[in-house]
Structures are given as structure tokens and as C-alpha cells.
Amino acid sequence: MPDRRFGAEPEDTSFGSASAERALLLLQPVLRDQGLSLGLAYAQDASACPAGPGERELAATMGPVRRRDFLAGRLAARRALAEPGRPEAEILRDGRRPRFPAGRVGSISHSGGLAVALAAPAGRFHAVGCDLELRELPLNTAHIVLGPDERTWTDSTPDPLAARRLLAAFSAKEAAFKAFGGLLPESPPATLLAIGIRPVPGGFRAWTAGQVVDVQVRPAGPGVFSWAVTPVVRRPNWSATPWR
């Protein structure tokens, strides 16, 4: 995954996280209707601890801030995965992508001390990507996120609106980056600039390497939340269809 912080200092865990949590909870029925389960966790949650030796080993290699976010993200993912009678499982990783239990796909994000995760059945989706952003990006970072044609969205817009557009585009590309990483594990996009986007109602359409996903973007407190899915397309069984 590309470096998302652009050298920013560790996040204030109180920055807009409560209002973002409320917005995400209000979004839960929409996500559920799309086949997605939502999980949330705060970094200071006492339950945000390793679920087993694998997570403990991973966490031990991280600095305090990264370890805090990692454990909150895993707790959010377990809450998204929670089903009656299903034991909690460690969520390790493949490279930098979280490895969800067999039969499930998902994605994790965190910002401002709040972690969010989406999970879904692997029989329904190839991959899921989500991204939470509670801080605006400096406009001088637009060249890291947007291609030359895409930068016209911010270059010709007054600063406050330009910053919001940049944040929405950045979050959409992050969500698409994660979805494409699950869909194209052998050749994922290397950077956000390898992903093209254009606005569509409710978000953006994103593409890379001949693959296309729609990314939905919604306000979340002072920031935005984005998610993308790559559905499993079931082809008709023509041999089972009688001729008439």
C-alpha cells in the first residue's frame, strides 16, 4: 500500500472520531443491503489486543502508533466477521493486506483513532476495499494522488472545496487500491497514480489494468468514508438451459 500519511504527525485520537462513528453507524443498513458487514473499534478500546500468537508477533515489530492502529483494525475486523457460533480468528496478513478467514473477504482502515472494517462472503465478492479519512490533505500533495487530467478538479476550484475534492478522490483511490489488490494479487497497482478515476453519482469509477470498480464515497464526521467491491459474476449454465 502506498504511503498514505505524507509525513504527517501521529493522529489525534479525538479528531472527529465520534461524529465519524455516528455517520458510519447510520450507514450500516446501506452496507448490509449490499452484503457487507461493518465493524468499528477505537484505538483506546481495552479489547484491542492480539487474538493469538501470530497477531502478537506482528504487533511486536511495530512502533507504538502503528501497533495501536493495527490492533484496533483487527478488533474492528473481528466485529465485522462476528457470527453466532463462529469462533474468533486471528487476522494475519499477505504482504501488507490483511488475510481474512477462509470464505470471507474484507478490508480495514483507520484514521483519527477510529478503525473501521468491512467483511463479506468470498462467494459473493472477489475483494473489498474501504478507506476512512478524517483529515484533509494539503493541496500541494495533489500531484501524488491525481493524474494531470484529474488535477483540473482541484486546480480550478476555490481552496476549501478543492481540499474536500482532493480528500474524496484520495479516499476513493485508497479504497479502489485495496479492492484491486485483492482482485489482482499478482499484479496490483503500485501507486495511486496507477489508478484512474472519474466522478459518478455517489462517488467515483476507478480503473487499472483493464479492471473497473465503482467506489462509493460518503461524509463521515469531518472527513469521508469510501468503499469498493468487486462482485463475483456468475455466468449462466447454458448447458442446463433447455432449447425451446
C-alpha atoms as a PDB file:
ATOM      1  CA  MET A   1       0.000   0.000   0.000  1.00  0.00           C
ATOM      2  CA  PRO A   2       1.352   3.473  -0.778  1.00  0.00           C
ATOM      3  CA  ASP A   3       2.456   5.809   1.985  1.00  0.00           C
ATOM      4  CA  ARG A   4      -0.778   7.500   2.936  1.00  0.00           C
ATOM      5  CA  ARG A   5       0.381   9.948   5.579  1.00  0.00           C
ATOM      6  CA  PHE A   6       2.759  12.099   3.519  1.00  0.00           C
ATOM      7  CA  GLY A   7       4.935  12.655   6.580  1.00  0.00           C
ATOM      8  CA  ALA A   8       2.057  13.693   8.862  1.00  0.00           C
ATOM      9  CA  GLU A   9       2.474  13.515  12.615  1.00  0.00           C
ATOM     10  CA  PRO A  10       0.654  10.804  14.615  1.00  0.00           C
ATOM     11  CA  GLU A  11      -3.081  11.375  14.556  1.00  0.00           C
ATOM     12  CA  ASP A  12      -5.003  12.941  17.431  1.00  0.00           C
ATOM     13  CA  THR A  13      -7.265  10.130  18.588  1.00  0.00           C
ATOM     14  CA  SER A  14     -10.093  12.580  19.360  1.00  0.00           C
ATOM     15  CA  PHE A  15     -10.125  14.283  15.960  1.00  0.00           C
ATOM     16  CA  GLY A  16     -13.669  13.882  14.664  1.00  0.00           C
ATOM     17  CA  SER A  17     -13.829  10.194  15.516  1.00  0.00           C
ATOM     18  CA  ALA A  18     -17.108  10.372  17.488  1.00  0.00           C
ATOM     19  CA  SER A  19     -19.002  12.130  14.680  1.00  0.00           C
ATOM     20  CA  ALA A  20     -17.428   9.759  12.148  1.00  0.00           C
ATOM     21  CA  GLU A  21     -18.582   6.773  14.213  1.00  0.00           C
ATOM     22  CA  ARG A  22     -22.145   8.099  14.224  1.00  0.00           C
ATOM     23  CA  ALA A  23     -22.074   8.588  10.452  1.00  0.00           C
ATOM     24  CA  LEU A  24     -20.749   5.069   9.899  1.00  0.00           C
ATOM     25  CA  LEU A  25     -23.384   3.515  12.138  1.00  0.00           C
ATOM     26  CA  LEU A  26     -26.081   5.355  10.180  1.00  0.00           C
ATOM     27  CA  LEU A  27     -24.547   3.910   7.026  1.00  0.00           C
ATOM     28  CA  GLN A  28     -24.727   0.341   8.359  1.00  0.00           C
ATOM     29  CA  PRO A  29     -28.134  -0.533   6.803  1.00  0.00           C
ATOM     30  CA  VAL A  30     -26.903   0.586   3.376  1.00  0.00           C
ATOM     31  CA  LEU A  31     -23.814  -1.573   3.708  1.00  0.00           C
ATOM     32  CA  ARG A  32     -25.855  -4.528   4.950  1.00  0.00           C
ATOM     33  CA  ASP A  33     -28.159  -4.276   1.930  1.00  0.00           C
ATOM     34  CA  GLN A  34     -25.056  -4.550  -0.260  1.00  0.00           C
ATOM     35  CA  GLY A  35     -23.918  -7.717   1.537  1.00  0.00           C
ATOM     36  CA  LEU A  36     -21.268  -6.021   3.674  1.00  0.00           C
ATOM     37  CA  SER A  37     -20.771  -6.293   7.440  1.00  0.00           C
ATOM     38  CA  LEU A  38     -19.368  -3.316   9.349  1.00  0.00           C
ATOM     39  CA  GLY A  39     -17.074  -3.357  12.367  1.00  0.00           C
ATOM     40  CA  LEU A  40     -15.749  -0.404  14.373  1.00  0.00           C
ATOM     41  CA  ALA A  41     -13.194  -0.063  17.161  1.00  0.00           C
ATOM     42  CA  TYR A  42     -11.365   2.729  18.927  1.00  0.00           C
ATOM     43  CA  ALA A  43      -7.616   2.587  19.405  1.00  0.00           C
ATOM     44  CA  GLN A  44      -8.049   3.024  23.164  1.00  0.00           C
ATOM     45  CA  ASP A  45     -10.513   0.102  23.389  1.00  0.00           C
ATOM     46  CA  ALA A  46      -9.288  -2.313  26.050  1.00  0.00           C
ATOM     47  CA  SER A  47     -10.317  -5.196  23.777  1.00  0.00           C
ATOM     48  CA  ALA A  48      -7.856  -4.070  21.088  1.00  0.00           C
ATOM     49  CA  CYS A  49      -5.236  -6.706  21.830  1.00  0.00           C
ATOM     50  CA  PRO A  50      -3.722  -9.606  19.852  1.00  0.00           C
ATOM     51  CA  ALA A  51      -6.097 -12.508  19.253  1.00  0.00           C
ATOM     52  CA  GLY A  52      -3.265 -15.024  19.171  1.00  0.00           C
ATOM     53  CA  PRO A  53       0.477 -15.550  18.747  1.00  0.00           C
ATOM     54  CA  GLY A  54       0.511 -14.545  15.084  1.00  0.00           C
ATOM     55  CA  GLU A  55      -1.001 -11.124  15.716  1.00  0.00           C
ATOM     56  CA  ARG A  56       1.184 -10.712  18.797  1.00  0.00           C
ATOM     57  CA  GLU A  57       4.284 -11.387  16.709  1.00  0.00           C
ATOM     58  CA  LEU A  58       3.225  -8.906  14.043  1.00  0.00           C
ATOM     59  CA  ALA A  59       2.379  -6.221  16.610  1.00  0.00           C
ATOM     60  CA  ALA A  60       5.751  -6.645  18.315  1.00  0.00           C
ATOM     61  CA  THR A  61       7.529  -5.430  15.159  1.00  0.00           C
ATOM     62  CA  MET A  62       5.629  -2.113  15.118  1.00  0.00           C
ATOM     63  CA  GLY A  63       6.100   1.217  16.814  1.00  0.00           C
ATOM     64  CA  PRO A  64       3.511   2.354  19.376  1.00  0.00           C
ATOM     65  CA  VAL A  65       1.251   4.323  16.999  1.00  0.00           C
ATOM     66  CA  ARG A  66       1.302   1.706  14.246  1.00  0.00           C
ATOM     67  CA  ARG A  67       0.724  -1.085  16.797  1.00  0.00           C
ATOM     68  CA  ARG A  68      -2.257   0.793  18.261  1.00  0.00           C
ATOM     69  CA  ASP A  69      -3.857   1.199  14.839  1.00  0.00           C
ATOM     70  CA  PHE A  70      -3.057  -2.391  13.832  1.00  0.00           C
ATOM     71  CA  LEU A  71      -4.746  -3.883  16.895  1.00  0.00           C
ATOM     72  CA  ALA A  72      -7.775  -1.598  16.646  1.00  0.00           C
ATOM     73  CA  GLY A  73      -8.128  -2.563  12.983  1.00  0.00           C
ATOM     74  CA  ARG A  74      -8.023  -6.277  13.822  1.00  0.00           C
ATOM     75  CA  LEU A  75     -10.646  -5.790  16.506  1.00  0.00           C
ATOM     76  CA  ALA A  76     -12.875  -3.912  14.045  1.00  0.00           C
ATOM     77  CA  ALA A  77     -12.412  -6.735  11.532  1.00  0.00           C
ATOM     78  CA  ARG A  78     -13.399  -9.391  14.079  1.00  0.00           C
ATOM     79  CA  ARG A  79     -16.510  -7.384  14.889  1.00  0.00           C
ATOM     80  CA  ALA A  80     -17.346  -7.243  11.182  1.00  0.00           C
ATOM     81  CA  LEU A  81     -16.836 -11.011  10.951  1.00  0.00           C
ATOM     82  CA  ALA A  82     -18.769 -11.861  14.107  1.00  0.00           C
ATOM     83  CA  GLU A  83     -21.389 -14.557  13.602  1.00  0.00           C
ATOM     84  CA  PRO A  84     -23.192 -16.709  16.189  1.00  0.00           C
ATOM     85  CA  GLY A  85     -21.231 -19.884  16.781  1.00  0.00           C
ATOM     86  CA  ARG A  86     -18.241 -18.763  14.715  1.00  0.00           C
ATOM     87  CA  PRO A  87     -15.003 -18.655  16.752  1.00  0.00           C
ATOM     88  CA  GLU A  88     -12.872 -15.529  16.577  1.00  0.00           C
ATOM     89  CA  ALA A  89      -9.836 -15.967  14.368  1.00  0.00           C
ATOM     90  CA  GLU A  90      -6.518 -14.223  14.040  1.00  0.00           C
ATOM     91  CA  ILE A  91      -6.299 -11.894  11.070  1.00  0.00           C
ATOM     92  CA  LEU A  92      -2.743 -12.031   9.829  1.00  0.00           C
ATOM     93  CA  ARG A  93      -1.591 -10.619   6.508  1.00  0.00           C
ATOM     94  CA  ASP A  94      -0.413 -11.357   2.995  1.00  0.00           C
ATOM     95  CA  GLY A  95       2.237  -8.743   2.339  1.00  0.00           C
ATOM     96  CA  ARG A  96       0.554  -5.599   3.645  1.00  0.00           C
ATOM     97  CA  ARG A  97      -3.006  -6.796   3.028  1.00  0.00           C
ATOM     98  CA  PRO A  98      -4.995  -8.321   5.914  1.00  0.00           C
ATOM     99  CA  ARG A  99      -5.679 -12.028   5.486  1.00  0.00           C
ATOM    100  CA  PHE A 100      -9.300 -12.697   6.312  1.00  0.00           C
ATOM    101  CA  PRO A 101     -10.505 -16.209   7.275  1.00  0.00           C
ATOM    102  CA  ALA A 102     -11.299 -18.691   4.530  1.00  0.00           C
ATOM    103  CA  GLY A 103     -14.604 -17.957   2.865  1.00  0.00           C
ATOM    104  CA  ARG A 104     -14.524 -14.263   3.730  1.00  0.00           C
ATOM    105  CA  VAL A 105     -13.013 -11.150   2.170  1.00  0.00           C
ATOM    106  CA  GLY A 106     -12.639  -7.768   3.757  1.00  0.00           C
ATOM    107  CA  SER A 107     -10.758  -4.555   4.268  1.00  0.00           C
ATOM    108  CA  ILE A 108      -9.541  -2.436   7.195  1.00  0.00           C
ATOM    109  CA  SER A 109      -8.882   1.283   7.564  1.00  0.00           C
ATOM    110  CA  HIS A 110      -8.217   3.667  10.421  1.00  0.00           C
ATOM    111  CA  SER A 111      -7.991   7.410  10.969  1.00  0.00           C
ATOM    112  CA  GLY A 112      -8.148   9.693  13.986  1.00  0.00           C
ATOM    113  CA  GLY A 113      -8.054   6.801  16.440  1.00  0.00           C
ATOM    114  CA  LEU A 114     -11.091   5.079  14.870  1.00  0.00           C
ATOM    115  CA  ALA A 115     -10.742   1.799  12.980  1.00  0.00           C
ATOM    116  CA  VAL A 116     -13.330   0.545  10.515  1.00  0.00           C
ATOM    117  CA  ALA A 117     -13.579  -2.792   8.728  1.00  0.00           C
ATOM    118  CA  LEU A 118     -15.860  -4.317   6.125  1.00  0.00           C
ATOM    119  CA  ALA A 119     -16.293  -8.054   5.612  1.00  0.00           C
ATOM    120  CA  ALA A 120     -18.293 -10.081   3.089  1.00  0.00           C
ATOM    121  CA  PRO A 121     -18.689 -13.653   1.805  1.00  0.00           C
ATOM    122  CA  ALA A 122     -15.997 -14.673  -0.689  1.00  0.00           C
ATOM    123  CA  GLY A 123     -18.697 -16.440  -2.688  1.00  0.00           C
ATOM    124  CA  ARG A 124     -20.259 -13.074  -3.409  1.00  0.00           C
ATOM    125  CA  PHE A 125     -17.218 -10.791  -3.775  1.00  0.00           C
ATOM    126  CA  HIS A 126     -13.687 -11.277  -5.055  1.00  0.00           C
ATOM    127  CA  ALA A 127     -12.420  -8.354  -2.999  1.00  0.00           C
ATOM    128  CA  VAL A 128     -13.480  -5.447  -0.787  1.00  0.00           C
ATOM    129  CA  GLY A 129     -11.700  -2.149  -0.202  1.00  0.00           C
ATOM    130  CA  CYS A 130     -12.539   0.585   2.304  1.00  0.00           C
ATOM    131  CA  ASP A 131     -10.922   3.802   3.474  1.00  0.00           C
ATOM    132  CA  LEU A 132     -11.630   6.292   6.270  1.00  0.00           C
ATOM    133  CA  GLU A 133     -10.065   9.756   6.146  1.00  0.00           C
ATOM    134  CA  LEU A 134     -10.682  12.293   8.918  1.00  0.00           C
ATOM    135  CA  ARG A 135      -8.008  14.843   7.989  1.00  0.00           C
ATOM    136  CA  GLU A 136      -7.777  16.937   4.861  1.00  0.00           C
ATOM    137  CA  LEU A 137      -4.672  16.643   2.709  1.00  0.00           C
ATOM    138  CA  PRO A 138      -2.508  19.645   1.810  1.00  0.00           C
ATOM    139  CA  LEU A 139      -3.334  20.770  -1.718  1.00  0.00           C
ATOM    140  CA  ASN A 140       0.362  20.622  -2.603  1.00  0.00           C
ATOM    141  CA  THR A 141       0.150  16.815  -2.359  1.00  0.00           C
ATOM    142  CA  ALA A 142      -2.403  16.580  -5.189  1.00  0.00           C
ATOM    143  CA  HIS A 143       0.303  15.523  -7.683  1.00  0.00           C
ATOM    144  CA  ILE A 144       0.917  12.389  -5.577  1.00  0.00           C
ATOM    145  CA  VAL A 145      -2.750  11.382  -5.744  1.00  0.00           C
ATOM    146  CA  LEU A 146      -4.168  12.725  -9.010  1.00  0.00           C
ATOM    147  CA  GLY A 147      -3.048  12.425 -12.610  1.00  0.00           C
ATOM    148  CA  PRO A 148      -2.700  15.571 -14.760  1.00  0.00           C
ATOM    149  CA  ASP A 149      -6.276  15.413 -16.078  1.00  0.00           C
ATOM    150  CA  GLU A 150      -7.677  14.685 -12.616  1.00  0.00           C
ATOM    151  CA  ARG A 151      -5.904  17.699 -11.092  1.00  0.00           C
ATOM    152  CA  THR A 152      -8.207  20.043 -13.006  1.00  0.00           C
ATOM    153  CA  TRP A 153     -10.841  19.160 -10.365  1.00  0.00           C
ATOM    154  CA  THR A 154      -8.778  20.930  -7.702  1.00  0.00           C
ATOM    155  CA  ASP A 155      -6.749  23.470  -9.711  1.00  0.00           C
ATOM    156  CA  SER A 156      -9.851  25.322 -10.900  1.00  0.00           C
ATOM    157  CA  THR A 157     -11.701  25.225  -7.562  1.00  0.00           C
ATOM    158  CA  PRO A 158     -11.543  27.574  -4.521  1.00  0.00           C
ATOM    159  CA  ASP A 159      -9.296  26.193  -1.795  1.00  0.00           C
ATOM    160  CA  PRO A 160     -11.892  24.904   0.747  1.00  0.00           C
ATOM    161  CA  LEU A 161     -13.828  22.981  -1.910  1.00  0.00           C
ATOM    162  CA  ALA A 162     -10.617  21.878  -3.629  1.00  0.00           C
ATOM    163  CA  ALA A 163      -9.385  20.351  -0.370  1.00  0.00           C
ATOM    164  CA  ARG A 164     -12.637  18.412   0.044  1.00  0.00           C
ATOM    165  CA  ARG A 165     -12.472  17.179  -3.544  1.00  0.00           C
ATOM    166  CA  LEU A 166      -8.880  16.085  -3.066  1.00  0.00           C
ATOM    167  CA  LEU A 167      -9.765  14.210   0.126  1.00  0.00           C
ATOM    168  CA  ALA A 168     -12.705  12.452  -1.558  1.00  0.00           C
ATOM    169  CA  ALA A 169     -10.577  11.475  -4.571  1.00  0.00           C
ATOM    170  CA  PHE A 170      -7.728  10.298  -2.333  1.00  0.00           C
ATOM    171  CA  SER A 171     -10.050   8.167  -0.201  1.00  0.00           C
ATOM    172  CA  ALA A 172     -11.737   6.734  -3.299  1.00  0.00           C
ATOM    173  CA  LYS A 173      -8.373   5.770  -4.773  1.00  0.00           C
ATOM    174  CA  GLU A 174      -7.318   4.188  -1.478  1.00  0.00           C
ATOM    175  CA  ALA A 175     -10.475   2.061  -1.376  1.00  0.00           C
ATOM    176  CA  ALA A 176     -10.009   1.113  -5.037  1.00  0.00           C
ATOM    177  CA  PHE A 177      -6.322   0.341  -4.402  1.00  0.00           C
ATOM    178  CA  LYS A 178      -7.297  -2.179  -1.737  1.00  0.00           C
ATOM    179  CA  ALA A 179     -10.030  -3.742  -3.871  1.00  0.00           C
ATOM    180  CA  PHE A 180      -7.685  -4.063  -6.845  1.00  0.00           C
ATOM    181  CA  GLY A 181      -5.030  -5.543  -4.541  1.00  0.00           C
ATOM    182  CA  GLY A 182      -7.416  -8.371  -3.693  1.00  0.00           C
ATOM    183  CA  LEU A 183      -8.631  -8.757  -7.263  1.00  0.00           C
ATOM    184  CA  LEU A 184      -5.140  -8.646  -8.831  1.00  0.00           C
ATOM    185  CA  PRO A 185      -2.863 -10.173  -6.161  1.00  0.00           C
ATOM    186  CA  GLU A 186      -0.100 -10.943  -8.668  1.00  0.00           C
ATOM    187  CA  SER A 187      -0.082  -7.503 -10.310  1.00  0.00           C
ATOM    188  CA  PRO A 188      -1.710  -4.906  -8.046  1.00  0.00           C
ATOM    189  CA  PRO A 189      -1.346  -1.195  -8.810  1.00  0.00           C
ATOM    190  CA  ALA A 190       1.965   0.107  -7.475  1.00  0.00           C
ATOM    191  CA  THR A 191       0.755   3.602  -6.585  1.00  0.00           C
ATOM    192  CA  LEU A 192      -2.417   5.661  -6.511  1.00  0.00           C
ATOM    193  CA  LEU A 193      -1.341   7.283  -9.785  1.00  0.00           C
ATOM    194  CA  ALA A 194      -1.700   3.872 -11.437  1.00  0.00           C
ATOM    195  CA  ILE A 195      -5.447   4.130 -10.778  1.00  0.00           C
ATOM    196  CA  GLY A 196      -7.614   6.401 -12.904  1.00  0.00           C
ATOM    197  CA  ILE A 197     -10.893   7.790 -11.593  1.00  0.00           C
ATOM    198  CA  ARG A 198     -13.782   9.908 -12.776  1.00  0.00           C
ATOM    199  CA  PRO A 199     -16.752  11.216 -10.790  1.00  0.00           C
ATOM    200  CA  VAL A 200     -20.052   9.340 -10.967  1.00  0.00           C
ATOM    201  CA  PRO A 201     -23.190   9.788  -8.839  1.00  0.00           C
ATOM    202  CA  GLY A 202     -22.353   8.834  -5.249  1.00  0.00           C
ATOM    203  CA  GLY A 203     -18.606   8.530  -5.774  1.00  0.00           C
ATOM    204  CA  PHE A 204     -16.135   7.598  -8.495  1.00  0.00           C
ATOM    205  CA  ARG A 205     -15.480   4.998 -11.155  1.00  0.00           C
ATOM    206  CA  ALA A 206     -11.925   3.650 -10.837  1.00  0.00           C
ATOM    207  CA  TRP A 207      -9.860   1.540 -13.212  1.00  0.00           C
ATOM    208  CA  THR A 208      -6.454  -0.075 -13.594  1.00  0.00           C
ATOM    209  CA  ALA A 209      -5.027  -2.861 -15.767  1.00  0.00           C
ATOM    210  CA  GLY A 210      -8.316  -3.338 -17.590  1.00  0.00           C
ATOM    211  CA  GLN A 211     -10.310  -3.761 -14.365  1.00  0.00           C
ATOM    212  CA  VAL A 212     -13.028  -1.337 -13.245  1.00  0.00           C
ATOM    213  CA  VAL A 213     -14.718  -0.791  -9.867  1.00  0.00           C
ATOM    214  CA  ASP A 214     -17.250   1.729  -8.626  1.00  0.00           C
ATOM    215  CA  VAL A 215     -16.283   3.456  -5.386  1.00  0.00           C
ATOM    216  CA  GLN A 216     -18.949   4.908  -3.126  1.00  0.00           C
ATOM    217  CA  VAL A 217     -18.000   7.929  -1.027  1.00  0.00           C
ATOM    218  CA  ARG A 218     -19.947   9.323   1.928  1.00  0.00           C
ATOM    219  CA  PRO A 219     -19.303  12.058   4.518  1.00  0.00           C
ATOM    220  CA  ALA A 220     -18.004  10.787   7.858  1.00  0.00           C
ATOM    221  CA  GLY A 221     -17.686  13.461  10.518  1.00  0.00           C
ATOM    222  CA  PRO A 222     -15.029  15.924   9.342  1.00  0.00           C
ATOM    223  CA  GLY A 223     -13.885  13.526   6.626  1.00  0.00           C
ATOM    224  CA  VAL A 224     -15.098  10.824   4.276  1.00  0.00           C
ATOM    225  CA  PHE A 225     -15.566   7.068   4.108  1.00  0.00           C
ATOM    226  CA  SER A 226     -15.174   5.181   0.830  1.00  0.00           C
ATOM    227  CA  TRP A 227     -15.744   1.580  -0.153  1.00  0.00           C
ATOM    228  CA  ALA A 228     -15.465  -0.554  -3.277  1.00  0.00           C
ATOM    229  CA  VAL A 229     -16.339  -4.164  -4.050  1.00  0.00           C
ATOM    230  CA  THR A 230     -15.579  -6.491  -6.947  1.00  0.00           C
ATOM    231  CA  PRO A 231     -18.567  -8.852  -7.236  1.00  0.00           C
ATOM    232  CA  VAL A 232     -18.291 -12.460  -8.325  1.00  0.00           C
ATOM    233  CA  VAL A 233     -20.056 -12.654 -11.678  1.00  0.00           C
ATOM    234  CA  ARG A 234     -21.925 -15.887 -12.063  1.00  0.00           C
ATOM    235  CA  ARG A 235     -22.197 -16.968 -15.669  1.00  0.00           C
ATOM    236  CA  PRO A 236     -25.356 -18.779 -16.770  1.00  0.00           C
ATOM    237  CA  ASN A 237     -25.110 -22.507 -17.237  1.00  0.00           C
ATOM    238  CA  TRP A 238     -26.224 -22.653 -20.846  1.00  0.00           C
ATOM    239  CA  SER A 239     -25.897 -26.431 -20.997  1.00  0.00           C
ATOM    240  CA  ALA A 240     -28.608 -26.713 -18.371  1.00  0.00           C
ATOM    241  CA  THR A 241     -30.999 -24.436 -20.247  1.00  0.00           C
ATOM    242  CA  PRO A 242     -33.402 -26.424 -22.437  1.00  0.00           C
ATOM    243  CA  TRP A 243     -33.937 -25.372 -26.024  1.00  0.00           C
ATOM    244  CA  ARG A 244     -37.426 -24.200 -26.781  1.00  0.00           C
END
